[in-house]
Amino acid sequence: MHEQRVDGGTKEGTKAGANMRPLVIDLDGTLIHSDLLWESIVLFLKKHFLRAWQLPLWLFLGKAGFKDKIASQVELDPAALPYDKVVLALIATARAEGRRVILATGAQRRFAEQIAAHLGLFDQVLATDSVNFTSHNKARELCALFGERGYDYVGNSRADLAVWLSCEGAISVTHKPFQLSDGRATSHSGSVRGGALKALVKAMRPRQWLKNLLVFVPMLAGHEFDLWTFNAALVAFIGFSLCASSAYLLNDALDAQDDRVHPTKHKRPIASGALPLPLALISSPLLALAAIGLCAWFSPLLLLVVLIYFASTVAYSLVLKRLLMVDIVTLAILYTLRVLGGGAATMIAPSFWLLAFSFFIFLSLALLKRHSELFNLQRDGKEKTRGRGYTTADRMPIAIMGVNTAFVSVLVFMLYFNSSNVLEQYRTPELLGGILPLLVFWLGRLWVLAFRGEVNEDPVLYVSKDKVSLVVVALCLLLATLASL
């Protein structure tokens, strides 16, 4: 076909020749916005975290052996992968034109065949068996099957240069074209792919750092407003924020397949493929080490609390989040640990009343979060949460517990403002009584809205945007300030 075009074939003949050439599609980073090797490593860590030490040893098996060993340990869900819709459309067009479409990938053969069977778009699958099917190995096999310049190829990286050189139509899913040594350049096809750095920042969830403002509660409750105390609380805030972002990255990496079939979580950077798994898995421990180093430098007591917090978040991501009710209690404990962290940094011991109030009010919010998830699940006609221990039948008992714990927190606060702690710290403690109806109104309103399905799945973020909630918080702070004057 190439020789006919050089000799001056007609435009129609050239087009017909292009339509006769097989279209060969790469998988990792091309057909999907991810890499199956890293996907399988994450699945292995999720299932066998305590066997992570085996991964470096399997590298001695070579690339093909390593991929095969990992693939034998995990099960991949082809439906839960971030496919490039533009590439899928390109394949559909090629098939409509009568062209053969081949999946040629360095991924392990069993995974490649499962994906091909799921999509039903490929005439042939070429993948890694005993030899790693990438770069020159892939180019040689494709030339043996279709001849030099006898096929078109869609790829995504420098590893594909050898294949592009030996094909006729060189196509890349990256916006920046690759320059080939024969003077050609790749053309573009594929959906828009954003910057990894922007995706990393988004995956760190800086908005969730609002929760870490709880470290300032002991300072406020203890009426210690000097510069040293503020700086100490600020160190705790930074430490918990870095630690939380580390946990979010790990959690989202482990939950990527579950998130991809979720109505909203599929947009998360890791689930969508915008943030490469290797970058997420490298950034997570680096952020944790930064948090641990900062806390170790500042205070051994703060370090202890942060270590307990980090261990709890890792345990939550790996196991606890899938256990009925254990996940909810863990979330409430994680909130309370932030208060303890603030006390450890500032050397202000939180009172029993403050810790009890924190636990129950955040237990109610954790129950509200789970209730909202189940409400949305039921509204979508589904029955069971993926990767969780709940069904839609659990929505009502969770709501009952949530409303009860909300008003237990109100009861604890009522007892608190009549305690000796308050009588010593506030000149006009009676004004704190005005907070009680505000709490009842606010918690009651949140739960009524939750029953209507108007509260999103994270009530803390909902509160940060809800004008009524912000007014209630401001009024509570005003009453507490007036009571102390």
Protein backbone atom coordinates (compact mmCIF):
# COMPACT_ATOMS: atom_id res chain seq x y z
CA MET A 1 0.00 0.00 0.00
CA HIS A 2 2.83 2.36 0.84
CA GLU A 3 4.54 1.77 -2.55
CA GLN A 4 1.29 2.55 -4.43
CA ARG A 5 0.96 5.88 -2.61
CA VAL A 6 4.56 6.86 -3.43
CA ASP A 7 3.96 6.10 -7.13
CA GLY A 8 1.04 8.55 -7.22
CA GLY A 9 -2.13 6.69 -6.30
CA THR A 10 -5.37 8.65 -6.37
CA LYS A 11 -6.87 10.27 -3.26
CA GLU A 12 -9.64 7.66 -3.31
CA GLY A 13 -7.08 4.88 -3.60
CA THR A 14 -5.09 6.24 -0.70
CA LYS A 15 -8.19 6.40 1.45
CA ALA A 16 -9.14 2.86 0.45
CA GLY A 17 -5.65 1.69 1.36
CA ALA A 18 -5.89 3.32 4.75
CA ASN A 19 -9.23 1.61 5.31
CA MET A 20 -7.65 -1.78 4.55
CA ARG A 21 -4.81 -1.43 7.06
CA PRO A 22 -5.40 -2.97 10.50
CA LEU A 23 -5.73 -0.49 13.35
CA VAL A 24 -3.52 -1.51 16.28
CA ILE A 25 -4.36 -0.07 19.71
CA ASP A 26 -2.06 0.12 22.71
CA LEU A 27 -3.71 -0.45 26.11
CA ASP A 28 -1.89 1.20 29.03
CA GLY A 29 -2.15 4.98 28.84
CA THR A 30 -3.92 4.77 25.48
CA LEU A 31 -7.12 2.74 25.55
CA ILE A 32 -7.30 3.38 29.30
CA HIS A 33 -6.17 6.40 31.32
CA SER A 34 -4.11 4.16 33.57
CA ASP A 35 -1.57 1.33 33.62
CA LEU A 36 -2.65 -2.25 34.30
CA LEU A 37 0.62 -3.15 36.03
CA TRP A 38 0.05 -0.42 38.61
CA GLU A 39 -3.64 -1.26 38.80
CA SER A 40 -2.73 -4.86 39.65
CA ILE A 41 -0.10 -3.75 42.19
CA VAL A 42 -2.71 -1.63 43.97
CA LEU A 43 -5.19 -4.52 43.92
CA PHE A 44 -2.49 -6.75 45.41
CA LEU A 45 -1.75 -4.22 48.17
CA LYS A 46 -5.45 -3.89 48.92
CA LYS A 47 -5.86 -7.64 49.28
CA HIS A 48 -2.44 -8.64 50.66
CA PHE A 49 -0.98 -5.52 52.28
CA LEU A 50 1.16 -7.53 54.71
CA ARG A 51 2.76 -9.34 51.76
CA ALA A 52 3.98 -6.10 50.15
CA TRP A 53 7.57 -7.14 50.94
CA GLN A 54 7.29 -9.83 48.24
CA LEU A 55 6.94 -7.29 45.40
CA PRO A 56 10.67 -6.35 45.21
CA LEU A 57 11.61 -10.05 45.18
CA TRP A 58 9.34 -10.75 42.20
CA LEU A 59 11.26 -8.15 40.17
CA PHE A 60 14.03 -10.74 39.82
CA LEU A 61 11.63 -12.73 37.61
CA GLY A 62 12.01 -10.08 34.90
CA LYS A 63 9.31 -7.77 33.60
CA ALA A 64 7.21 -10.51 32.03
CA GLY A 65 7.60 -12.76 35.08
CA PHE A 66 6.73 -9.91 37.45
CA LYS A 67 3.56 -9.07 35.51
CA ASP A 68 2.52 -12.72 35.42
CA LYS A 69 3.13 -13.19 39.16
CA ILE A 70 1.08 -10.11 40.07
CA ALA A 71 -1.72 -11.10 37.68
CA SER A 72 -1.97 -14.53 39.32
CA GLN A 73 -2.65 -12.89 42.70
CA VAL A 74 -5.51 -10.50 41.82
CA GLU A 75 -8.77 -10.29 39.91
CA LEU A 76 -9.34 -7.34 37.59
CA ASP A 77 -12.75 -5.88 36.83
CA PRO A 78 -12.62 -4.74 33.17
CA ALA A 79 -15.80 -2.70 33.65
CA ALA A 80 -14.07 -0.60 36.33
CA LEU A 81 -11.32 0.90 34.19
CA PRO A 82 -11.02 4.51 32.91
CA TYR A 83 -11.45 4.03 29.16
CA ASP A 84 -10.65 6.83 26.73
CA LYS A 85 -13.98 7.52 25.02
CA VAL A 86 -12.33 9.18 22.02
CA VAL A 87 -10.17 6.10 21.40
CA LEU A 88 -13.26 3.90 21.73
CA ALA A 89 -14.97 6.08 19.11
CA LEU A 90 -11.92 5.74 16.84
CA ILE A 91 -12.15 1.96 17.15
CA ALA A 92 -15.88 2.02 16.39
CA THR A 93 -15.24 4.06 13.25
CA ALA A 94 -12.53 1.64 12.09
CA ARG A 95 -14.82 -1.33 12.60
CA ALA A 96 -17.60 0.40 10.69
CA GLU A 97 -15.14 0.82 7.80
CA GLY A 98 -14.46 -2.92 7.85
CA ARG A 99 -10.92 -2.64 9.23
CA ARG A 100 -9.43 -5.21 11.59
CA VAL A 101 -8.72 -3.85 15.08
CA ILE A 102 -5.97 -5.40 17.18
CA LEU A 103 -5.22 -4.84 20.86
CA ALA A 104 -1.42 -4.93 21.26
CA THR A 105 -0.21 -4.38 24.80
CA GLY A 106 2.60 -4.97 27.23
CA ALA A 107 0.00 -5.91 29.84
CA GLN A 108 -0.33 -9.50 30.98
CA ARG A 109 -2.29 -11.63 28.52
CA ARG A 110 -5.08 -12.71 30.89
CA PHE A 111 -5.92 -9.10 31.69
CA ALA A 112 -5.77 -8.05 28.03
CA GLU A 113 -8.12 -10.86 26.98
CA GLN A 114 -10.57 -10.00 29.76
CA ILE A 115 -10.68 -6.38 28.57
CA ALA A 116 -11.10 -7.43 24.94
CA ALA A 117 -13.94 -9.77 25.90
CA HIS A 118 -15.61 -7.02 27.93
CA LEU A 119 -15.45 -4.44 25.12
CA GLY A 120 -16.11 -6.83 22.24
CA LEU A 121 -14.24 -4.53 19.82
CA PHE A 122 -11.06 -6.42 18.94
CA ASP A 123 -10.37 -9.05 16.31
CA GLN A 124 -7.10 -10.14 17.88
CA VAL A 125 -5.17 -9.72 21.16
CA LEU A 126 -1.39 -9.53 21.35
CA ALA A 127 -0.01 -9.29 24.90
CA THR A 128 2.80 -10.24 27.27
CA ASP A 129 3.37 -13.96 27.81
CA SER A 130 6.93 -15.13 28.37
CA VAL A 131 8.31 -12.00 26.67
CA ASN A 132 7.48 -8.41 27.64
CA PHE A 133 5.42 -7.26 24.63
CA THR A 134 6.54 -3.65 24.39
CA SER A 135 8.73 -1.41 22.20
CA HIS A 136 10.96 -3.41 19.78
CA ASN A 137 9.35 -6.72 20.73
CA LYS A 138 5.95 -5.31 19.79
CA ALA A 139 7.28 -3.72 16.58
CA ARG A 140 8.88 -6.99 15.37
CA GLU A 141 5.73 -9.02 15.99
CA LEU A 142 3.46 -6.50 14.26
CA CYS A 143 5.78 -6.29 11.24
CA ALA A 144 5.85 -10.11 11.05
CA LEU A 145 2.05 -10.18 11.06
CA PHE A 146 1.20 -7.20 8.84
CA GLY A 147 4.44 -6.21 7.14
CA GLU A 148 6.50 -3.02 7.35
CA ARG A 149 4.15 -0.01 7.18
CA GLY A 150 1.26 -2.44 6.94
CA TYR A 151 -0.74 -1.15 9.89
CA ASP A 152 -1.72 2.00 11.83
CA TYR A 153 -0.81 2.26 15.49
CA VAL A 154 -2.21 4.30 18.40
CA GLY A 155 0.16 4.70 21.37
CA ASN A 156 1.11 7.15 24.08
CA SER A 157 4.77 7.10 25.14
CA ARG A 158 8.41 6.95 24.06
CA ALA A 159 8.24 3.17 24.46
CA ASP A 160 6.07 3.21 21.31
CA LEU A 161 8.67 4.95 19.11
CA ALA A 162 9.89 1.67 17.59
CA VAL A 163 6.30 0.70 16.74
CA TRP A 164 5.47 4.08 15.21
CA LEU A 165 8.59 3.86 13.02
CA SER A 166 7.45 0.57 11.54
CA CYS A 167 3.80 1.53 11.02
CA GLU A 168 2.11 3.72 8.40
CA GLY A 169 -0.30 5.82 10.45
CA ALA A 170 1.45 6.92 13.67
CA ILE A 171 -1.13 8.21 16.17
CA SER A 172 -0.54 9.40 19.75
CA VAL A 173 -3.10 10.22 22.44
CA THR A 174 -0.77 12.93 23.79
CA HIS A 175 -1.32 16.50 22.58
CA LYS A 176 2.39 17.07 22.02
CA PRO A 177 3.44 15.06 18.94
CA PHE A 178 6.38 12.65 19.00
CA GLN A 179 9.08 13.32 16.39
CA LEU A 180 10.19 10.13 14.64
CA SER A 181 13.71 9.52 13.34
CA ASP A 182 12.43 9.21 9.75
CA GLY A 183 11.18 12.80 9.81
CA ARG A 184 7.54 12.03 10.48
CA ALA A 185 5.56 13.10 13.55
CA THR A 186 2.66 11.43 15.29
CA SER A 187 -0.85 12.77 14.77
CA HIS A 188 -3.24 13.19 17.68
CA SER A 189 -6.31 11.27 18.77
CA GLY A 190 -7.72 10.82 22.26
CA SER A 191 -9.50 12.81 24.94
CA VAL A 192 -8.01 15.80 26.74
CA ARG A 193 -5.59 14.78 29.48
CA GLY A 194 -4.88 17.33 32.20
CA GLY A 195 -1.65 18.02 34.07
CA ALA A 196 -0.60 15.51 36.71
CA LEU A 197 0.45 18.22 39.19
CA LYS A 198 -2.98 19.85 39.17
CA ALA A 199 -4.56 16.41 39.58
CA LEU A 200 -2.23 15.65 42.51
CA VAL A 201 -3.23 18.83 44.34
CA LYS A 202 -6.91 18.01 43.78
CA ALA A 203 -6.41 14.43 45.02
CA MET A 204 -4.81 15.77 48.21
CA ARG A 205 -8.26 17.29 48.92
CA PRO A 206 -7.18 20.61 50.46
CA ARG A 207 -10.84 21.45 51.12
CA GLN A 208 -10.95 18.54 53.55
CA TRP A 209 -8.31 20.33 55.65
CA LEU A 210 -11.24 22.27 57.11
CA LYS A 211 -11.71 19.28 59.41
CA ASN A 212 -8.25 19.85 60.83
CA LEU A 213 -9.35 23.20 62.27
CA LEU A 214 -10.47 21.03 65.19
CA VAL A 215 -6.88 21.21 66.48
CA PHE A 216 -7.64 24.82 67.48
CA VAL A 217 -10.56 23.76 69.71
CA PRO A 218 -8.48 23.11 72.88
CA MET A 219 -6.89 26.56 72.50
CA LEU A 220 -10.32 28.19 72.16
CA ALA A 221 -11.91 26.13 74.94
CA GLY A 222 -8.97 26.83 77.24
CA HIS A 223 -9.01 30.58 76.45
CA GLU A 224 -5.28 30.52 75.62
CA PHE A 225 -4.79 33.07 72.86
CA ASP A 226 -1.06 33.84 73.04
CA LEU A 227 1.23 33.60 70.00
CA TRP A 228 3.05 30.43 71.14
CA THR A 229 -0.23 28.55 71.61
CA PHE A 230 -1.48 29.65 68.20
CA ASN A 231 1.79 28.58 66.53
CA ALA A 232 1.64 25.22 68.29
CA ALA A 233 -1.92 24.65 67.05
CA LEU A 234 -0.82 25.74 63.58
CA VAL A 235 1.95 23.11 63.57
CA ALA A 236 -0.66 20.51 64.53
CA PHE A 237 -2.93 21.76 61.73
CA ILE A 238 -0.15 21.40 59.13
CA GLY A 239 0.85 17.97 60.47
CA PHE A 240 -2.71 16.63 60.38
CA SER A 241 -3.33 18.15 56.93
CA LEU A 242 -0.24 16.49 55.43
CA CYS A 243 -1.14 13.23 57.12
CA ALA A 244 -4.76 13.43 55.93
CA SER A 245 -3.69 14.11 52.33
CA SER A 246 -1.37 11.11 52.50
CA ALA A 247 -4.30 8.98 53.64
CA TYR A 248 -6.60 10.37 50.93
CA LEU A 249 -4.11 9.45 48.21
CA LEU A 250 -3.71 5.92 49.57
CA ASN A 251 -7.44 5.51 50.06
CA ASP A 252 -8.31 6.74 46.55
CA ALA A 253 -5.63 4.52 44.99
CA LEU A 254 -6.97 1.45 46.78
CA ASP A 255 -10.57 2.37 45.98
CA ALA A 256 -10.03 3.36 42.35
CA GLN A 257 -12.00 0.46 40.85
CA ASP A 258 -14.92 0.94 43.27
CA ASP A 259 -14.92 4.71 42.68
CA ARG A 260 -15.13 4.29 38.90
CA VAL A 261 -18.59 2.78 39.13
CA HIS A 262 -19.78 5.41 41.64
CA PRO A 263 -22.04 8.20 40.29
CA THR A 264 -19.81 11.01 41.62
CA LYS A 265 -16.56 9.48 42.85
CA HIS A 266 -15.62 8.38 39.32
CA LYS A 267 -14.51 11.99 38.77
CA ARG A 268 -11.77 11.75 41.41
CA PRO A 269 -8.29 12.24 39.89
CA ILE A 270 -7.05 8.68 40.46
CA ALA A 271 -10.31 7.00 39.47
CA SER A 272 -10.57 9.05 36.27
CA GLY A 273 -6.93 8.41 35.37
CA ALA A 274 -5.96 12.11 35.55
CA LEU A 275 -3.49 11.30 38.35
CA PRO A 276 -1.13 8.40 37.51
CA LEU A 277 -1.10 5.69 40.16
CA PRO A 278 2.73 5.71 40.52
CA LEU A 279 2.70 9.43 41.37
CA ALA A 280 -0.09 8.92 43.92
CA LEU A 281 1.67 5.96 45.55
CA ILE A 282 4.96 7.84 45.78
CA SER A 283 3.39 11.07 47.07
CA SER A 284 1.39 9.34 49.82
CA PRO A 285 4.36 8.10 51.93
CA LEU A 286 6.30 11.32 51.26
CA LEU A 287 3.47 13.41 52.72
CA ALA A 288 3.22 11.06 55.70
CA LEU A 289 6.97 11.30 56.34
CA ALA A 290 6.78 15.10 56.14
CA ALA A 291 3.97 15.12 58.73
CA ILE A 292 5.81 12.73 61.02
CA GLY A 293 9.06 14.69 60.71
CA LEU A 294 7.35 17.99 61.51
CA CYS A 295 5.56 16.57 64.56
CA ALA A 296 8.70 14.78 65.81
CA TRP A 297 10.61 18.06 65.60
CA PHE A 298 7.93 19.95 67.51
CA SER A 299 6.58 17.62 70.19
CA PRO A 300 6.87 13.88 71.02
CA LEU A 301 3.30 13.96 72.37
CA LEU A 302 1.96 15.45 69.14
CA LEU A 303 3.96 12.86 67.22
CA LEU A 304 2.29 10.08 69.21
CA VAL A 305 -1.21 11.36 68.42
CA VAL A 306 -0.40 11.85 64.73
CA LEU A 307 1.07 8.34 64.49
CA ILE A 308 -2.10 6.90 66.03
CA TYR A 309 -4.16 9.00 63.59
CA PHE A 310 -2.11 7.84 60.60
CA ALA A 311 -2.21 4.17 61.64
CA SER A 312 -5.98 4.47 62.06
CA THR A 313 -6.44 6.03 58.62
CA VAL A 314 -4.34 3.30 56.97
CA ALA A 315 -6.31 0.60 58.83
CA TYR A 316 -9.51 2.35 57.75
CA SER A 317 -8.44 2.38 54.08
CA LEU A 318 -7.34 -1.26 54.09
CA VAL A 319 -9.90 -3.02 56.30
CA LEU A 320 -12.11 -1.01 58.64
CA LYS A 321 -14.11 0.87 56.00
CA ARG A 322 -15.59 -2.43 54.81
CA LEU A 323 -16.83 -3.48 58.27
CA LEU A 324 -20.40 -2.70 59.30
CA MET A 325 -20.52 0.14 61.88
CA VAL A 326 -16.79 -0.17 62.56
CA ASP A 327 -16.15 2.34 59.78
CA ILE A 328 -18.56 4.87 61.30
CA VAL A 329 -17.08 4.61 64.80
CA THR A 330 -13.59 4.93 63.29
CA LEU A 331 -14.55 8.17 61.52
CA ALA A 332 -15.82 9.62 64.80
CA ILE A 333 -12.58 8.61 66.53
CA LEU A 334 -10.51 10.24 63.77
CA TYR A 335 -12.33 13.53 64.35
CA THR A 336 -11.75 13.27 68.10
CA LEU A 337 -8.06 12.52 67.54
CA ARG A 338 -7.74 15.92 65.88
CA VAL A 339 -8.96 17.55 69.09
CA LEU A 340 -6.48 15.45 71.07
CA GLY A 341 -3.74 16.46 68.63
CA GLY A 342 -4.49 20.12 69.25
CA GLY A 343 -4.30 19.50 72.99
CA ALA A 344 -1.00 17.62 72.61
CA ALA A 345 0.54 20.46 70.60
CA THR A 346 -0.63 23.28 72.86
CA MET A 347 -0.24 21.35 76.13
CA ILE A 348 -3.89 22.11 76.95
CA ALA A 349 -5.66 18.95 78.10
CA PRO A 350 -9.16 18.73 76.59
CA SER A 351 -11.83 18.17 79.22
CA PHE A 352 -13.88 14.99 79.41
CA TRP A 353 -16.92 17.02 78.36
CA LEU A 354 -15.22 18.39 75.27
CA LEU A 355 -14.05 14.93 74.14
CA ALA A 356 -17.47 13.39 74.80
CA PHE A 357 -19.23 16.19 72.90
CA SER A 358 -16.77 15.86 69.98
CA PHE A 359 -17.20 12.10 69.76
CA PHE A 360 -21.00 12.12 69.74
CA ILE A 361 -21.51 15.05 67.38
CA PHE A 362 -19.01 13.66 64.88
CA LEU A 363 -20.47 10.18 65.27
CA SER A 364 -23.79 11.71 64.22
CA LEU A 365 -22.17 13.39 61.20
CA ALA A 366 -20.45 10.10 60.23
CA LEU A 367 -23.81 8.34 60.39
CA LEU A 368 -25.33 11.15 58.32
CA LYS A 369 -22.61 10.67 55.69
CA ARG A 370 -23.36 6.96 55.42
CA HIS A 371 -27.12 7.63 55.39
CA SER A 372 -26.68 10.05 52.47
CA GLU A 373 -24.68 7.47 50.52
CA LEU A 374 -27.41 4.86 51.03
CA PHE A 375 -30.12 7.40 50.11
CA ASN A 376 -28.37 8.13 46.81
CA LEU A 377 -27.83 4.42 46.23
CA GLN A 378 -31.52 3.67 46.74
CA ARG A 379 -32.49 6.60 44.51
CA ASP A 380 -30.30 5.12 41.75
CA GLY A 381 -32.08 1.78 42.06
CA LYS A 382 -29.14 -0.08 43.59
CA GLU A 383 -29.14 -2.21 46.71
CA LYS A 384 -25.60 -2.60 48.01
CA THR A 385 -22.61 -0.31 48.33
CA ARG A 386 -19.53 -1.53 46.50
CA GLY A 387 -16.57 -2.05 48.83
CA ARG A 388 -18.69 -1.35 51.93
CA GLY A 389 -20.68 -3.45 54.37
CA TYR A 390 -24.07 -1.78 53.87
CA THR A 391 -27.27 -2.28 51.91
CA THR A 392 -30.09 0.19 51.37
CA ALA A 393 -32.07 -1.71 54.04
CA ASP A 394 -29.63 -0.27 56.61
CA ARG A 395 -30.60 3.34 55.86
CA MET A 396 -33.32 3.64 58.51
CA PRO A 397 -31.43 2.12 61.48
CA ILE A 398 -28.44 4.30 60.61
CA ALA A 399 -30.70 7.36 60.56
CA ILE A 400 -32.19 6.42 63.94
CA MET A 401 -28.72 6.08 65.47
CA GLY A 402 -27.62 9.32 63.83
CA VAL A 403 -30.51 11.38 65.20
CA ASN A 404 -30.09 9.85 68.66
CA THR A 405 -26.35 10.53 68.83
CA ALA A 406 -26.96 14.09 67.62
CA PHE A 407 -29.14 14.81 70.63
CA VAL A 408 -26.82 12.92 72.97
CA SER A 409 -24.19 15.49 71.97
CA VAL A 410 -26.68 18.24 72.86
CA LEU A 411 -27.23 16.61 76.25
CA VAL A 412 -23.46 16.41 76.85
CA PHE A 413 -23.12 20.10 76.00
CA MET A 414 -25.96 20.99 78.38
CA LEU A 415 -24.15 19.18 81.19
CA TYR A 416 -20.88 20.80 80.14
CA PHE A 417 -21.97 24.41 80.49
CA ASN A 418 -23.11 23.65 84.05
CA SER A 419 -19.78 22.01 84.99
CA SER A 420 -17.04 23.43 87.20
CA ASN A 421 -14.81 23.95 84.11
CA VAL A 422 -17.26 26.41 82.61
CA LEU A 423 -18.04 28.20 85.87
CA GLU A 424 -14.30 28.90 86.28
CA GLN A 425 -13.60 30.00 82.69
CA TYR A 426 -16.68 32.06 81.78
CA ARG A 427 -17.86 35.22 83.53
CA THR A 428 -21.42 34.84 82.25
CA PRO A 429 -21.88 31.09 81.65
CA GLU A 430 -25.65 31.55 81.37
CA LEU A 431 -25.12 32.90 77.85
CA LEU A 432 -23.84 29.49 76.77
CA GLY A 433 -27.38 28.25 77.25
CA GLY A 434 -28.25 30.10 74.07
CA ILE A 435 -26.12 27.65 72.14
CA LEU A 436 -28.46 24.77 73.07
CA PRO A 437 -31.42 25.78 70.84
CA LEU A 438 -28.99 26.65 68.06
CA LEU A 439 -27.49 23.14 68.24
CA VAL A 440 -30.92 21.51 68.30
CA PHE A 441 -32.02 23.59 65.28
CA TRP A 442 -28.82 22.95 63.33
CA LEU A 443 -28.60 19.18 63.91
CA GLY A 444 -32.33 18.71 63.39
CA ARG A 445 -32.23 20.68 60.15
CA LEU A 446 -29.26 18.65 58.85
CA TRP A 447 -31.04 15.38 59.44
CA VAL A 448 -34.32 16.59 57.91
CA LEU A 449 -32.41 17.70 54.80
CA ALA A 450 -30.60 14.35 54.78
CA PHE A 451 -33.96 12.55 54.69
CA ARG A 452 -34.88 14.73 51.72
CA GLY A 453 -31.63 13.78 49.98
CA GLU A 454 -30.37 17.37 50.00
CA VAL A 455 -27.16 16.77 51.97
CA ASN A 456 -24.25 15.49 49.91
CA GLU A 457 -22.13 12.57 51.05
CA ASP A 458 -19.75 14.67 53.15
CA PRO A 459 -21.70 16.71 55.70
CA VAL A 460 -18.62 18.66 56.84
CA LEU A 461 -18.10 20.05 53.33
CA TYR A 462 -21.83 20.63 53.02
CA VAL A 463 -21.79 22.70 56.22
CA SER A 464 -18.83 24.75 54.93
CA LYS A 465 -21.00 25.89 51.98
CA ASP A 466 -24.39 26.08 53.70
CA LYS A 467 -25.22 29.68 54.65
CA VAL A 468 -27.62 28.68 57.44
CA SER A 469 -24.99 26.44 59.04
CA LEU A 470 -22.37 29.18 58.83
CA VAL A 471 -24.72 31.64 60.53
CA VAL A 472 -25.38 29.13 63.33
CA VAL A 473 -21.65 28.59 63.84
CA ALA A 474 -21.06 32.35 63.92
CA LEU A 475 -23.84 32.85 66.51
CA CYS A 476 -22.42 30.06 68.69
CA LEU A 477 -18.96 31.67 68.61
CA LEU A 478 -20.50 35.05 69.41
CA LEU A 479 -22.34 33.67 72.46
CA ALA A 480 -19.19 31.90 73.68
CA THR A 481 -17.21 35.13 73.28
CA LEU A 482 -19.81 37.22 75.15
CA ALA A 483 -19.96 34.62 77.92
CA SER A 484 -16.22 34.92 78.48
CA LEU A 485 -16.13 38.73 78.63
